[in-house]
């Protein structure tokens, strides 16, 4: 493989582009779609509703009452299939012995000396998460929507979604905000920090009722805490303790005060999706930005994101593409691009360590 046939990984950072996204409920949830093709939707509009699969509880009544035959249970029953029962409600009784339901639910079946109770199912409302237009309906699942806006994709998310106003972290830090400031400016906001996420910041995020956090990095020992946090968390650069690179921070700083959807999904293996921030950007009525170019070969003059050997991320411009492999300091000879970094430094970076923020 050479640079002539190399298509670098893309992780978008686009200030204005055409965004098309699926909003679907899981396959095991039968959904009723509430909108049609051509419908305009707002961030928090419900586009589909579904009922989540509910677990079953199996109660062995025959053993509980020490019965010898299945038919002996019938005269003891105080419920029939289809009955809605509350927790601790008596299902069957024999003298002073009572078999009660451990959950709120519905009696699904009574068979072979057993009583099956299905837990009350939860209704799931699927919100649009975008200000846009429905371009396709997936019956029983959800929709595909299209909108114009800004996009920033990260490397890791805690599998939560939040809608809020983007706010850059104040100079004194997220953990030092007093309650009055939170109520006025930050309540329900998505906070941007240049610092690596730590336990103190995570505690403050939860305690102060913030919707989400965008940070450059975090240590791997914090993964479980971040996954269990109620707020959405997006990591932009990687794991470790590096600070946010300047181009990414400047991009987010320009979006301060705008409404956005932080979709911090955790893609399954081999999925092409990424955790991302989708930002509403005002456009003129007839303005329609171009869709992102998904097939970009590496070219001289292209702005790229470079992942360095220590895991840190920086930006630069490709200034040359050697046709032969380059010998690196570690002794490996690989195809590289020469990049002039924003710091003024010039280096040869392996093609596999280069990403394109998109066009």
Foldseek 3Di string as FASTA:
>chain_A
DFLVPDFFAAFAFFFKAKDKDFFWDDPQWFKAADDDAFDWFAQFDFGIKTWDFWDKDKAQQCVQVVHDFLVVQVVFAPDAFFDWFAAQCFGGDDVPDTDTHRHGFTFHDRPPRMTMGTHDIDMDTGGPNHGFGFHAADHRIGTMTMDMGTKGFAAAKLADKAKAFEAEADPVGLLPDDLVCCVVPFAQHEYEYQWADDPSNLVSCQVSNYQYYEFQEEAPVCSVVRNPGPHMYGHHFYYDTHTDEDVVVVSSVVRGGWIKMFRRRGDDPPDPDTGMITTDDDDPPPDHHYHWDPGDRDDFQAKKWFQDPVRGIFIWTFHAFDRFFDQDPVGDTAGWTWTQTPVRDIDTGHSNRIYHNTD
